[in-house]
N, C-alpha and C. Protein backbone atom coordinates (compact mmCIF):
# COMPACT_ATOMS: atom_id res chain seq x y z
N MET A 1 132.91 -24.90 -36.29
CA MET A 1 134.34 -24.65 -36.30
C MET A 1 134.85 -24.84 -37.71
N SER A 2 135.60 -23.88 -38.18
CA SER A 2 136.16 -23.99 -39.51
C SER A 2 137.68 -23.94 -39.43
N ASN A 3 138.30 -24.45 -40.46
CA ASN A 3 139.76 -24.37 -40.54
C ASN A 3 140.16 -22.93 -40.83
N TYR A 4 141.24 -22.51 -40.22
CA TYR A 4 141.74 -21.16 -40.47
C TYR A 4 142.62 -21.13 -41.72
N VAL A 5 142.95 -22.30 -42.23
CA VAL A 5 143.76 -22.42 -43.44
C VAL A 5 143.12 -23.47 -44.33
N ASP A 6 143.03 -23.20 -45.62
CA ASP A 6 142.52 -24.23 -46.53
C ASP A 6 143.69 -24.94 -47.21
N VAL A 7 143.36 -26.02 -47.89
CA VAL A 7 144.38 -26.86 -48.54
C VAL A 7 145.18 -26.06 -49.57
N THR A 8 144.51 -25.22 -50.32
CA THR A 8 145.20 -24.42 -51.34
C THR A 8 146.25 -23.51 -50.71
N TYR A 9 145.89 -22.82 -49.63
CA TYR A 9 146.85 -21.95 -48.94
C TYR A 9 148.03 -22.78 -48.44
N TYR A 10 147.72 -23.91 -47.81
CA TYR A 10 148.78 -24.76 -47.25
C TYR A 10 149.75 -25.22 -48.34
N GLN A 11 149.22 -25.65 -49.46
CA GLN A 11 150.08 -26.17 -50.52
C GLN A 11 150.77 -25.09 -51.34
N GLU A 12 150.06 -24.03 -51.69
CA GLU A 12 150.60 -23.05 -52.63
C GLU A 12 151.31 -21.87 -51.96
N THR A 13 150.80 -21.40 -50.83
CA THR A 13 151.41 -20.26 -50.16
C THR A 13 152.44 -20.70 -49.14
N TYR A 14 152.01 -21.58 -48.23
CA TYR A 14 152.92 -22.07 -47.19
C TYR A 14 153.91 -23.10 -47.72
N LYS A 15 153.51 -23.85 -48.72
CA LYS A 15 154.33 -24.90 -49.35
C LYS A 15 154.69 -26.00 -48.35
N GLY A 16 153.66 -26.51 -47.66
CA GLY A 16 153.83 -27.56 -46.67
C GLY A 16 154.15 -28.90 -47.27
N THR A 17 154.46 -29.85 -46.41
CA THR A 17 154.93 -31.17 -46.85
C THR A 17 154.03 -32.33 -46.44
N ILE A 18 152.90 -32.06 -45.82
CA ILE A 18 151.99 -33.13 -45.43
C ILE A 18 151.38 -33.72 -46.70
N PRO A 19 151.28 -35.06 -46.77
CA PRO A 19 150.67 -35.69 -47.95
C PRO A 19 149.25 -35.19 -48.19
N SER A 20 148.86 -35.08 -49.45
CA SER A 20 147.57 -34.51 -49.85
C SER A 20 146.38 -35.13 -49.14
N ASP A 21 146.41 -36.44 -48.95
CA ASP A 21 145.26 -37.10 -48.33
C ASP A 21 145.15 -36.85 -46.83
N GLU A 22 146.15 -36.22 -46.24
CA GLU A 22 146.18 -35.95 -44.80
C GLU A 22 145.97 -34.46 -44.47
N ILE A 23 146.13 -33.60 -45.45
CA ILE A 23 146.17 -32.15 -45.19
C ILE A 23 144.92 -31.64 -44.49
N GLU A 24 143.76 -31.91 -45.03
CA GLU A 24 142.51 -31.38 -44.48
C GLU A 24 142.35 -31.76 -43.01
N LYS A 25 142.57 -33.01 -42.70
CA LYS A 25 142.44 -33.49 -41.31
C LYS A 25 143.44 -32.81 -40.40
N ARG A 26 144.67 -32.65 -40.86
CA ARG A 26 145.72 -32.04 -40.04
C ARG A 26 145.47 -30.55 -39.82
N LEU A 27 144.99 -29.86 -40.83
CA LEU A 27 144.68 -28.44 -40.69
C LEU A 27 143.51 -28.23 -39.74
N LYS A 28 142.53 -29.11 -39.78
CA LYS A 28 141.39 -29.00 -38.87
C LYS A 28 141.85 -29.19 -37.43
N LYS A 29 142.67 -30.20 -37.21
CA LYS A 29 143.17 -30.46 -35.85
C LYS A 29 144.02 -29.29 -35.36
N ALA A 30 144.89 -28.77 -36.21
CA ALA A 30 145.73 -27.63 -35.83
C ALA A 30 144.86 -26.41 -35.54
N SER A 31 143.82 -26.18 -36.32
CA SER A 31 142.91 -25.05 -36.09
C SER A 31 142.20 -25.20 -34.74
N MET A 32 141.79 -26.42 -34.41
CA MET A 32 141.16 -26.67 -33.12
C MET A 32 142.14 -26.40 -31.98
N HIS A 33 143.40 -26.76 -32.19
CA HIS A 33 144.42 -26.51 -31.17
C HIS A 33 144.69 -25.02 -31.02
N ILE A 34 144.64 -24.29 -32.12
CA ILE A 34 144.80 -22.83 -32.05
C ILE A 34 143.66 -22.23 -31.23
N ASP A 35 142.44 -22.75 -31.41
CA ASP A 35 141.31 -22.27 -30.60
C ASP A 35 141.58 -22.50 -29.12
N THR A 36 142.14 -23.65 -28.77
CA THR A 36 142.47 -23.94 -27.37
C THR A 36 143.54 -22.98 -26.87
N LEU A 37 144.57 -22.76 -27.66
CA LEU A 37 145.68 -21.90 -27.26
C LEU A 37 145.27 -20.43 -27.15
N THR A 38 144.23 -20.04 -27.87
CA THR A 38 143.76 -18.65 -27.84
C THR A 38 142.49 -18.49 -27.00
N TYR A 39 142.16 -19.51 -26.23
CA TYR A 39 140.99 -19.48 -25.35
C TYR A 39 139.71 -19.13 -26.12
N ASN A 40 139.61 -19.65 -27.33
CA ASN A 40 138.45 -19.47 -28.22
C ASN A 40 138.15 -18.00 -28.54
N ARG A 41 139.14 -17.16 -28.44
CA ARG A 41 138.93 -15.74 -28.77
C ARG A 41 138.65 -15.55 -30.26
N ILE A 42 139.26 -16.38 -31.09
CA ILE A 42 139.00 -16.26 -32.54
C ILE A 42 137.56 -16.67 -32.83
N VAL A 43 137.11 -17.73 -32.19
CA VAL A 43 135.72 -18.17 -32.35
C VAL A 43 134.78 -17.06 -31.91
N GLY A 44 135.08 -16.43 -30.77
CA GLY A 44 134.22 -15.38 -30.24
C GLY A 44 134.16 -14.13 -31.12
N ARG A 45 135.31 -13.76 -31.68
CA ARG A 45 135.37 -12.54 -32.50
C ARG A 45 135.03 -12.81 -33.95
N GLY A 46 135.34 -14.00 -34.40
CA GLY A 46 135.22 -14.34 -35.82
C GLY A 46 136.54 -14.07 -36.50
N PHE A 47 137.01 -15.02 -37.26
CA PHE A 47 138.31 -14.90 -37.93
C PHE A 47 138.36 -13.66 -38.82
N ASP A 48 137.28 -13.38 -39.52
CA ASP A 48 137.26 -12.22 -40.43
C ASP A 48 137.31 -10.89 -39.69
N ASN A 49 137.04 -10.89 -38.40
CA ASN A 49 137.10 -9.66 -37.61
C ASN A 49 138.48 -9.41 -36.99
N LEU A 50 139.39 -10.35 -37.17
CA LEU A 50 140.77 -10.13 -36.73
C LEU A 50 141.44 -9.17 -37.70
N THR A 51 142.49 -8.52 -37.23
CA THR A 51 143.26 -7.67 -38.14
C THR A 51 143.97 -8.54 -39.16
N GLU A 52 144.40 -7.95 -40.24
CA GLU A 52 145.13 -8.70 -41.26
C GLU A 52 146.41 -9.30 -40.66
N PHE A 53 147.07 -8.53 -39.80
CA PHE A 53 148.26 -9.00 -39.10
C PHE A 53 147.95 -10.26 -38.30
N GLN A 54 146.88 -10.24 -37.51
CA GLN A 54 146.50 -11.39 -36.71
C GLN A 54 146.14 -12.58 -37.59
N GLN A 55 145.39 -12.34 -38.65
CA GLN A 55 145.00 -13.42 -39.57
C GLN A 55 146.23 -14.09 -40.18
N ASN A 56 147.18 -13.28 -40.61
CA ASN A 56 148.39 -13.85 -41.23
C ASN A 56 149.18 -14.70 -40.24
N ILE A 57 149.29 -14.23 -39.02
CA ILE A 57 150.03 -15.01 -38.00
C ILE A 57 149.28 -16.30 -37.68
N VAL A 58 147.97 -16.22 -37.51
CA VAL A 58 147.20 -17.43 -37.21
C VAL A 58 147.37 -18.45 -38.34
N LYS A 59 147.28 -18.01 -39.58
CA LYS A 59 147.47 -18.93 -40.71
C LYS A 59 148.85 -19.57 -40.69
N GLU A 60 149.87 -18.78 -40.46
CA GLU A 60 151.24 -19.28 -40.42
C GLU A 60 151.40 -20.32 -39.30
N VAL A 61 150.88 -20.01 -38.12
CA VAL A 61 151.04 -20.91 -36.98
C VAL A 61 150.21 -22.18 -37.18
N VAL A 62 149.04 -22.09 -37.78
CA VAL A 62 148.26 -23.29 -38.08
C VAL A 62 149.06 -24.22 -38.98
N CYS A 63 149.67 -23.68 -40.01
CA CYS A 63 150.47 -24.50 -40.93
C CYS A 63 151.67 -25.12 -40.22
N ARG A 64 152.37 -24.32 -39.45
CA ARG A 64 153.53 -24.84 -38.71
C ARG A 64 153.12 -25.91 -37.71
N LEU A 65 152.01 -25.68 -37.01
CA LEU A 65 151.54 -26.63 -36.02
C LEU A 65 151.09 -27.93 -36.70
N ALA A 66 150.42 -27.82 -37.82
CA ALA A 66 150.00 -29.02 -38.56
C ALA A 66 151.23 -29.84 -38.96
N ASP A 67 152.26 -29.18 -39.47
CA ASP A 67 153.50 -29.87 -39.83
C ASP A 67 154.14 -30.53 -38.61
N PHE A 68 154.25 -29.78 -37.53
CA PHE A 68 154.87 -30.27 -36.30
C PHE A 68 154.12 -31.49 -35.78
N GLU A 69 152.80 -31.40 -35.73
CA GLU A 69 152.00 -32.51 -35.22
C GLU A 69 152.08 -33.73 -36.14
N TYR A 70 152.15 -33.50 -37.43
CA TYR A 70 152.28 -34.62 -38.38
C TYR A 70 153.63 -35.30 -38.22
N GLU A 71 154.69 -34.51 -38.17
CA GLU A 71 156.04 -35.05 -38.09
C GLU A 71 156.34 -35.73 -36.76
N ASN A 72 155.67 -35.32 -35.70
CA ASN A 72 155.96 -35.82 -34.35
C ASN A 72 154.77 -36.55 -33.72
N GLU A 73 153.89 -37.05 -34.54
CA GLU A 73 152.66 -37.65 -34.04
C GLU A 73 152.92 -38.76 -33.02
N ASP A 74 153.87 -39.63 -33.29
CA ASP A 74 154.14 -40.74 -32.37
C ASP A 74 154.58 -40.24 -31.00
N LEU A 75 155.44 -39.23 -30.97
CA LEU A 75 155.88 -38.68 -29.69
C LEU A 75 154.77 -37.95 -28.96
N ILE A 76 153.99 -37.19 -29.69
CA ILE A 76 152.91 -36.42 -29.08
C ILE A 76 151.85 -37.34 -28.51
N GLN A 77 151.53 -38.42 -29.21
CA GLN A 77 150.49 -39.35 -28.76
C GLN A 77 150.97 -40.29 -27.66
N SER A 78 152.27 -40.36 -27.48
CA SER A 78 152.83 -41.26 -26.47
C SER A 78 152.45 -40.79 -25.07
N ILE A 79 152.14 -41.76 -24.22
CA ILE A 79 151.83 -41.40 -22.84
C ILE A 79 153.09 -41.22 -22.02
N LEU A 80 154.23 -41.60 -22.59
CA LEU A 80 155.49 -41.44 -21.89
C LEU A 80 155.97 -40.00 -22.00
N SER A 81 156.49 -39.47 -20.94
CA SER A 81 157.08 -38.13 -21.01
C SER A 81 158.58 -38.22 -21.21
N SER A 82 159.17 -39.40 -20.89
CA SER A 82 160.59 -39.60 -21.12
C SER A 82 160.91 -41.08 -21.08
N TYR A 83 162.02 -41.43 -21.70
CA TYR A 83 162.51 -42.79 -21.61
C TYR A 83 164.01 -42.78 -21.83
N SER A 84 164.64 -43.88 -21.41
CA SER A 84 166.09 -43.98 -21.51
C SER A 84 166.46 -45.40 -21.95
N ILE A 85 167.34 -45.49 -22.93
CA ILE A 85 167.84 -46.78 -23.40
C ILE A 85 169.34 -46.68 -23.55
N ASN A 86 170.06 -47.56 -22.88
CA ASN A 86 171.52 -47.61 -22.96
C ASN A 86 172.17 -46.24 -22.75
N GLY A 87 171.70 -45.52 -21.78
CA GLY A 87 172.31 -44.24 -21.44
C GLY A 87 171.86 -43.07 -22.29
N VAL A 88 171.01 -43.31 -23.29
CA VAL A 88 170.49 -42.23 -24.13
C VAL A 88 169.05 -41.98 -23.70
N SER A 89 168.76 -40.74 -23.34
CA SER A 89 167.40 -40.45 -22.88
C SER A 89 166.71 -39.45 -23.80
N VAL A 90 165.39 -39.58 -23.85
CA VAL A 90 164.56 -38.68 -24.64
C VAL A 90 163.47 -38.17 -23.72
N ASN A 91 163.27 -36.86 -23.71
CA ASN A 91 162.23 -36.23 -22.91
C ASN A 91 161.29 -35.50 -23.83
N PHE A 92 160.01 -35.53 -23.50
CA PHE A 92 159.04 -34.77 -24.27
C PHE A 92 158.18 -33.99 -23.29
N GLY A 93 158.03 -32.75 -23.53
CA GLY A 93 157.26 -31.88 -22.64
C GLY A 93 157.85 -30.49 -22.74
N SER A 94 157.57 -29.67 -21.77
CA SER A 94 158.13 -28.32 -21.80
C SER A 94 159.64 -28.40 -21.62
N ASN A 95 160.37 -27.99 -22.59
CA ASN A 95 161.82 -27.92 -22.52
C ASN A 95 162.28 -26.72 -23.32
N TRP A 96 163.50 -26.71 -23.76
CA TRP A 96 164.05 -25.52 -24.39
C TRP A 96 163.39 -25.15 -25.71
N ASN A 97 162.74 -26.09 -26.41
CA ASN A 97 162.14 -25.72 -27.68
C ASN A 97 160.69 -26.14 -27.85
N ILE A 98 160.11 -26.81 -26.84
CA ILE A 98 158.72 -27.24 -26.90
C ILE A 98 157.97 -26.65 -25.72
N GLU A 99 156.81 -26.13 -26.01
CA GLU A 99 155.92 -25.57 -24.99
C GLU A 99 154.68 -26.47 -24.93
N VAL A 100 154.21 -26.76 -23.74
CA VAL A 100 152.95 -27.48 -23.60
C VAL A 100 151.99 -26.53 -22.89
N GLN A 101 151.01 -26.05 -23.62
CA GLN A 101 150.02 -25.11 -23.10
C GLN A 101 148.64 -25.73 -23.24
N ASN A 102 147.91 -25.79 -22.14
CA ASN A 102 146.54 -26.33 -22.16
C ASN A 102 146.49 -27.71 -22.82
N GLY A 103 147.55 -28.49 -22.62
CA GLY A 103 147.61 -29.84 -23.17
C GLY A 103 148.03 -29.91 -24.62
N ILE A 104 148.38 -28.79 -25.22
CA ILE A 104 148.80 -28.74 -26.62
C ILE A 104 150.31 -28.56 -26.68
N ALA A 105 150.99 -29.48 -27.37
CA ALA A 105 152.44 -29.35 -27.58
C ALA A 105 152.67 -28.48 -28.81
N ILE A 106 153.50 -27.46 -28.66
CA ILE A 106 153.79 -26.54 -29.76
C ILE A 106 155.22 -26.05 -29.59
N LYS A 107 155.88 -25.80 -30.70
CA LYS A 107 157.23 -25.26 -30.62
C LYS A 107 157.17 -23.87 -29.98
N LYS A 108 158.14 -23.58 -29.13
CA LYS A 108 158.12 -22.30 -28.39
C LYS A 108 158.11 -21.10 -29.32
N ASP A 109 158.87 -21.16 -30.40
CA ASP A 109 158.90 -20.01 -31.30
C ASP A 109 157.55 -19.81 -31.99
N ASP A 110 156.84 -20.91 -32.27
CA ASP A 110 155.51 -20.79 -32.87
C ASP A 110 154.51 -20.23 -31.86
N TYR A 111 154.63 -20.65 -30.59
CA TYR A 111 153.74 -20.11 -29.55
C TYR A 111 154.03 -18.63 -29.33
N SER A 112 155.29 -18.25 -29.38
CA SER A 112 155.65 -16.83 -29.24
C SER A 112 155.10 -16.02 -30.41
N LEU A 113 155.18 -16.58 -31.61
CA LEU A 113 154.63 -15.90 -32.78
C LEU A 113 153.12 -15.73 -32.61
N LEU A 114 152.42 -16.77 -32.19
CA LEU A 114 150.98 -16.66 -31.95
C LEU A 114 150.68 -15.63 -30.88
N GLY A 115 151.56 -15.53 -29.88
CA GLY A 115 151.40 -14.55 -28.81
C GLY A 115 151.41 -13.11 -29.31
N GLN A 116 152.06 -12.87 -30.44
CA GLN A 116 152.10 -11.51 -31.00
C GLN A 116 150.71 -11.01 -31.41
N THR A 117 149.77 -11.92 -31.56
CA THR A 117 148.41 -11.53 -31.92
C THR A 117 147.65 -10.95 -30.74
N GLY A 118 148.14 -11.21 -29.52
CA GLY A 118 147.43 -10.80 -28.32
C GLY A 118 146.31 -11.74 -27.94
N LEU A 119 146.18 -12.84 -28.65
CA LEU A 119 145.07 -13.77 -28.43
C LEU A 119 145.38 -14.88 -27.43
N THR A 120 146.63 -14.99 -27.00
CA THR A 120 147.00 -16.06 -26.07
C THR A 120 147.05 -15.58 -24.62
N CYS A 121 146.76 -14.33 -24.40
CA CYS A 121 146.80 -13.74 -23.07
C CYS A 121 145.85 -14.48 -22.14
N ARG A 122 146.30 -14.80 -20.95
CA ARG A 122 145.48 -15.53 -19.99
C ARG A 122 144.52 -14.62 -19.23
N ASN A 123 144.73 -13.34 -19.33
CA ASN A 123 143.88 -12.36 -18.64
C ASN A 123 142.54 -12.26 -19.35
N LEU A 124 141.47 -12.20 -18.63
CA LEU A 124 140.15 -12.11 -19.23
C LEU A 124 139.91 -10.81 -19.98
N ARG A 125 140.70 -9.79 -19.69
CA ARG A 125 140.50 -8.48 -20.31
C ARG A 125 141.27 -8.30 -21.62
N CYS A 126 141.91 -9.32 -22.08
CA CYS A 126 142.69 -9.22 -23.33
C CYS A 126 141.78 -9.19 -24.53
């Protein structure tokens, strides 16, 4: 398994904000999550065999997912799905802006963007 984005792309093209010593690990984890979300279709076809359009979207979503997972690590790792303190409640899971697919939390707009590649289809014939 290889990362779909390297550190140079993340820093220079995407202009991400994850600290340098964390980038490689976060990109690897995000790439693994993309494999889960795409039912390993990228692994099966090979990243280089995707269209340029698909490659660009996958790279963008890997970077966004890495940022999201870094910024929200405590919430994502929490076993709680919701809590309430003094009348203020917080919920984590599928809601208006977060999608949980195959155990992976991802922003809905990022999942929709990844869906444009045709790689997230649940049908075996996709």
